[in-house]
Amino acid sequence: MTPHIRAEPGQIAETVLMPGDPLRAKWAAETFLDAPELVNDTRGMLGFTGTWRGNRVTIHGSGMGMPSLSIYAGELIRNYDARTLIRIGSTGAMQKHVAIRDVILAQTASSISTPSSAIFRELNFAPCADFGLLQAAAAAARDRATTVHVGGIYSSDTFYDERPDLNQEMTRHGILAVEMETAELYTLAARFGRRALSVLTVSDHLITEEALPAAERQSSFGDMVEIALEAAFA
């Protein structure tokens, strides 16, 4: 057990899906897993372990932002030996050809800083997805009606952004979308030799200013979860 995860040894699966919202972890576990068991509720951060097509899976919240994800992903890796970590979450589109409800597979994740930045000092480390997971997720998405994009995203430290100039540069350089966790997840995976991927659903659009109503967000995320699960066990 850790200060943030009170699961007993053996209660966390080697494959962990990580939504930011703990209630989304509950929804995903109850919707997609067989016999989900609550294994953590410390500080309101929910984690569930069950099976999907006979494979053990944990779905555990990460909280919002890279510092929070760094705590949970770090403890899942170091203390519970998680081997495959897939972020499932929402993202804001930064390209005109990306639409609301589209799914994005994050190949790379740019950032200004992450909780790991101090380790690298003057080096700009380039965090990227596990290629096997990325390839499997792209294959899993081919037969779906949902439009899927593969490319670079931006992991921001701020939700209420006051840098329109930076957003413009991200768009100009082909960044597909912005969220707040992936760069640190990919960095931790690289450090500890684990597999990581972010599968994201577009819930907002920075250019068109469209947004999914709150009531529709959860019901629109099913394809993202199924793609993540299929990729994990391809």
Protein backbone atom coordinates (compact mmCIF):
# COMPACT_ATOMS: atom_id res chain seq x y z
CA MET A 1 0.00 0.00 0.00
CA THR A 2 1.01 3.61 -0.55
CA PRO A 3 -0.14 6.96 0.88
CA HIS A 4 -2.47 7.36 -2.13
CA ILE A 5 -3.39 3.79 -3.13
CA ARG A 6 -4.59 1.43 -0.41
CA ALA A 7 -4.98 -1.65 -2.61
CA GLU A 8 -3.55 -4.86 -1.21
CA PRO A 9 -0.75 -6.71 -3.03
CA GLY A 10 -2.18 -8.53 -6.03
CA GLN A 11 -5.28 -6.33 -6.31
CA ILE A 12 -3.83 -4.17 -9.10
CA ALA A 13 -3.60 -5.74 -12.56
CA GLU A 14 -0.56 -5.42 -14.83
CA THR A 15 -2.75 -3.46 -17.28
CA VAL A 16 -4.15 -0.18 -15.96
CA LEU A 17 -6.46 2.26 -17.74
CA MET A 18 -6.26 5.76 -16.26
CA PRO A 19 -9.03 8.33 -16.72
CA GLY A 20 -8.53 11.61 -14.93
CA ASP A 21 -11.96 11.63 -13.30
CA PRO A 22 -12.47 8.96 -10.60
CA LEU A 23 -16.19 8.81 -11.42
CA ARG A 24 -15.29 8.06 -15.03
CA ALA A 25 -13.14 5.20 -13.70
CA LYS A 26 -16.24 3.88 -11.93
CA TRP A 27 -18.37 4.23 -15.06
CA ALA A 28 -15.79 2.52 -17.28
CA ALA A 29 -15.26 -0.34 -14.83
CA GLU A 30 -18.99 -0.98 -14.42
CA THR A 31 -19.60 -0.68 -18.17
CA PHE A 32 -16.72 -2.69 -19.63
CA LEU A 33 -15.33 -5.02 -16.96
CA ASP A 34 -16.72 -8.26 -15.62
CA ALA A 35 -17.00 -8.44 -11.82
CA PRO A 36 -15.29 -5.11 -11.09
CA GLU A 37 -14.04 -4.82 -7.50
CA LEU A 38 -13.31 -1.53 -5.76
CA VAL A 39 -9.62 -1.70 -4.79
CA ASN A 40 -8.96 1.93 -3.87
CA ASP A 41 -10.98 4.91 -2.68
CA THR A 42 -8.33 6.84 -0.76
CA ARG A 43 -8.88 10.61 -1.04
CA GLY A 44 -11.84 9.87 -3.30
CA MET A 45 -9.60 8.54 -6.08
CA LEU A 46 -11.36 5.39 -7.22
CA GLY A 47 -9.74 2.27 -8.63
CA PHE A 48 -11.44 -0.95 -9.76
CA THR A 49 -10.08 -4.30 -10.90
CA GLY A 50 -12.03 -6.78 -13.00
CA THR A 51 -11.66 -8.73 -16.21
CA TRP A 52 -12.22 -7.95 -19.88
CA ARG A 53 -12.48 -10.98 -22.17
CA GLY A 54 -10.76 -12.98 -19.45
CA ASN A 55 -7.88 -10.51 -18.99
CA ARG A 56 -7.36 -8.76 -15.66
CA VAL A 57 -7.64 -4.98 -15.90
CA THR A 58 -7.51 -2.16 -13.37
CA ILE A 59 -9.21 1.15 -14.12
CA HIS A 60 -7.85 3.81 -11.77
CA GLY A 61 -8.29 7.58 -11.70
CA SER A 62 -5.25 9.81 -12.13
CA GLY A 63 -6.64 13.18 -11.10
CA MET A 64 -6.19 16.32 -13.17
CA GLY A 65 -2.78 17.49 -14.35
CA MET A 66 0.69 16.01 -14.58
CA PRO A 67 1.63 16.31 -10.88
CA SER A 68 -1.40 14.23 -9.86
CA LEU A 69 -0.89 11.67 -12.61
CA SER A 70 2.80 11.43 -11.70
CA ILE A 71 1.87 10.35 -8.17
CA TYR A 72 -0.65 7.70 -9.19
CA ALA A 73 1.18 6.33 -12.23
CA GLY A 74 4.46 6.33 -10.31
CA GLU A 75 2.99 4.36 -7.41
CA LEU A 76 1.18 1.95 -9.74
CA ILE A 77 4.50 1.23 -11.45
CA ARG A 78 6.85 1.16 -8.47
CA ASN A 79 4.62 -0.36 -5.81
CA TYR A 80 2.20 -2.51 -7.84
CA ASP A 81 4.31 -3.40 -10.88
CA ALA A 82 1.87 -2.07 -13.48
CA ARG A 83 3.32 -2.91 -16.89
CA THR A 84 0.89 -1.28 -19.35
CA LEU A 85 -0.67 2.12 -18.58
CA ILE A 86 -3.19 3.68 -20.95
CA ARG A 87 -4.65 7.11 -20.33
CA ILE A 88 -8.29 7.42 -21.40
CA GLY A 89 -9.52 10.99 -21.25
CA SER A 90 -10.88 14.08 -22.90
CA THR A 91 -8.96 16.58 -24.99
CA GLY A 92 -9.42 19.91 -26.76
CA ALA A 93 -8.88 19.89 -30.52
CA MET A 94 -6.40 22.34 -32.06
CA GLN A 95 -6.84 21.53 -35.76
CA LYS A 96 -9.80 22.31 -38.03
CA HIS A 97 -9.95 18.78 -39.45
CA VAL A 98 -10.36 17.27 -35.96
CA ALA A 99 -14.00 17.19 -34.84
CA ILE A 100 -15.91 16.81 -31.59
CA ARG A 101 -16.18 13.10 -30.58
CA ASP A 102 -13.17 12.12 -32.73
CA VAL A 103 -10.58 9.90 -31.05
CA ILE A 104 -6.90 10.86 -30.93
CA LEU A 105 -4.02 8.41 -30.40
CA ALA A 106 -1.18 10.48 -28.97
CA GLN A 107 2.04 9.55 -30.73
CA THR A 108 4.06 12.25 -28.94
CA ALA A 109 3.36 14.78 -26.20
CA SER A 110 4.94 18.24 -26.18
CA SER A 111 5.03 20.31 -22.98
CA ILE A 112 6.57 23.39 -21.42
CA SER A 113 7.43 21.42 -18.30
CA THR A 114 6.55 18.23 -16.45
CA PRO A 115 7.21 16.97 -12.91
CA SER A 116 10.19 15.15 -14.46
CA SER A 117 11.74 18.24 -16.06
CA ALA A 118 14.28 18.75 -13.27
CA ILE A 119 15.81 15.34 -13.98
CA PHE A 120 16.75 16.31 -17.52
CA ARG A 121 18.12 19.79 -16.70
CA GLU A 122 18.98 21.42 -20.03
CA LEU A 123 17.70 18.51 -22.15
CA ASN A 124 14.31 18.74 -23.88
CA PHE A 125 13.24 15.10 -23.54
CA ALA A 126 10.79 13.93 -26.23
CA PRO A 127 8.19 11.62 -24.61
CA CYS A 128 6.39 9.27 -26.99
CA ALA A 129 3.92 6.41 -26.95
CA ASP A 130 4.85 2.75 -26.98
CA PHE A 131 4.87 1.87 -30.68
CA GLY A 132 3.30 -1.57 -30.19
CA LEU A 133 0.37 -0.10 -28.28
CA LEU A 134 0.00 2.72 -30.79
CA GLN A 135 -0.01 0.29 -33.69
CA ALA A 136 -2.52 -2.00 -31.96
CA ALA A 137 -4.81 0.91 -31.11
CA ALA A 138 -4.75 2.16 -34.70
CA ALA A 139 -5.65 -1.34 -35.89
CA ALA A 140 -8.48 -1.60 -33.34
CA ALA A 141 -9.89 1.72 -34.55
CA ARG A 142 -10.03 0.83 -38.24
CA ASP A 143 -13.38 -0.94 -38.14
CA ARG A 144 -15.14 1.70 -36.07
CA ALA A 145 -17.40 4.50 -37.23
CA THR A 146 -15.47 6.96 -35.05
CA THR A 147 -12.85 9.05 -36.83
CA VAL A 148 -9.39 8.44 -35.38
CA HIS A 149 -6.30 10.66 -35.68
CA VAL A 150 -2.70 9.72 -34.85
CA GLY A 151 -0.17 12.43 -34.08
CA GLY A 152 1.35 14.83 -31.58
CA ILE A 153 -0.54 16.46 -28.73
CA TYR A 154 0.32 19.15 -26.18
CA SER A 155 0.26 18.51 -22.42
CA SER A 156 -0.42 21.81 -20.68
CA ASP A 157 0.16 22.82 -17.06
CA THR A 158 -2.89 25.07 -17.09
CA PHE A 159 -6.58 24.51 -17.76
CA TYR A 160 -7.52 28.19 -18.08
CA ASP A 161 -4.90 29.08 -20.67
CA GLU A 162 -3.78 32.68 -21.15
CA ARG A 163 -1.28 32.03 -23.94
CA PRO A 164 -3.15 32.34 -27.26
CA ASP A 165 0.20 32.88 -28.96
CA LEU A 166 1.40 29.45 -27.78
CA ASN A 167 -1.82 27.81 -28.95
CA GLN A 168 -1.29 29.36 -32.37
CA GLU A 169 2.21 27.89 -32.54
CA MET A 170 0.94 24.48 -31.50
CA THR A 171 -1.66 24.61 -34.27
CA ARG A 172 0.89 25.86 -36.80
CA HIS A 173 3.16 22.93 -35.99
CA GLY A 174 0.45 20.30 -36.43
CA ILE A 175 -0.37 19.55 -32.80
CA LEU A 176 -3.74 17.81 -32.82
CA ALA A 177 -5.06 18.63 -29.36
CA VAL A 178 -4.30 19.76 -25.82
CA GLU A 179 -4.76 17.97 -22.50
CA MET A 180 -2.91 17.91 -19.18
CA GLU A 181 -1.37 14.49 -18.41
CA THR A 182 0.22 12.54 -21.27
CA ALA A 183 3.74 13.99 -21.36
CA GLU A 184 4.43 12.88 -17.80
CA LEU A 185 2.84 9.47 -18.34
CA TYR A 186 5.09 8.80 -21.34
CA THR A 187 8.15 10.04 -19.44
CA LEU A 188 7.48 7.74 -16.48
CA ALA A 189 6.92 4.80 -18.82
CA ALA A 190 10.25 5.47 -20.53
CA ARG A 191 12.05 5.76 -17.18
CA PHE A 192 10.74 2.47 -15.82
CA GLY A 193 10.61 0.48 -19.05
CA ARG A 194 6.81 0.21 -19.21
CA ARG A 195 4.30 0.55 -22.05
CA ALA A 196 2.13 3.66 -22.25
CA LEU A 197 -0.41 5.21 -24.59
CA SER A 198 -3.02 7.96 -24.45
CA VAL A 199 -6.35 7.36 -26.18
CA LEU A 200 -8.33 10.59 -26.09
CA THR A 201 -11.82 11.71 -27.05
CA VAL A 202 -12.29 15.26 -28.35
CA SER A 203 -14.71 17.00 -26.00
CA ASP A 204 -13.90 20.62 -26.86
CA HIS A 205 -12.54 22.58 -29.82
CA LEU A 206 -10.21 25.54 -29.35
CA ILE A 207 -10.83 26.89 -32.87
CA THR A 208 -14.57 26.41 -33.36
CA GLU A 209 -15.35 26.74 -29.61
CA GLU A 210 -17.67 23.72 -29.83
CA ALA A 211 -18.02 21.56 -26.72
CA LEU A 212 -19.79 18.38 -25.74
CA PRO A 213 -22.49 19.00 -23.13
CA ALA A 214 -21.53 17.48 -19.79
CA ALA A 215 -24.37 14.95 -20.01
CA GLU A 216 -23.06 13.63 -23.34
CA ARG A 217 -19.39 13.32 -22.46
CA GLN A 218 -19.52 10.01 -20.66
CA SER A 219 -21.74 8.32 -23.24
CA SER A 220 -19.44 9.49 -26.04
CA PHE A 221 -16.32 7.89 -24.54
CA GLY A 222 -17.18 4.22 -25.17
CA ASP A 223 -15.12 3.87 -28.35
CA MET A 224 -12.06 5.30 -26.59
CA VAL A 225 -12.28 2.71 -23.80
CA GLU A 226 -12.83 -0.20 -26.18
CA ILE A 227 -9.89 0.87 -28.37
CA ALA A 228 -7.68 1.06 -25.27
CA LEU A 229 -8.70 -2.38 -24.08
CA GLU A 230 -8.25 -3.99 -27.50
CA ALA A 231 -4.81 -2.37 -27.85
CA ALA A 232 -3.69 -3.56 -24.42
CA PHE A 233 -4.40 -7.21 -25.24
CA ALA A 234 -3.73 -7.33 -28.99
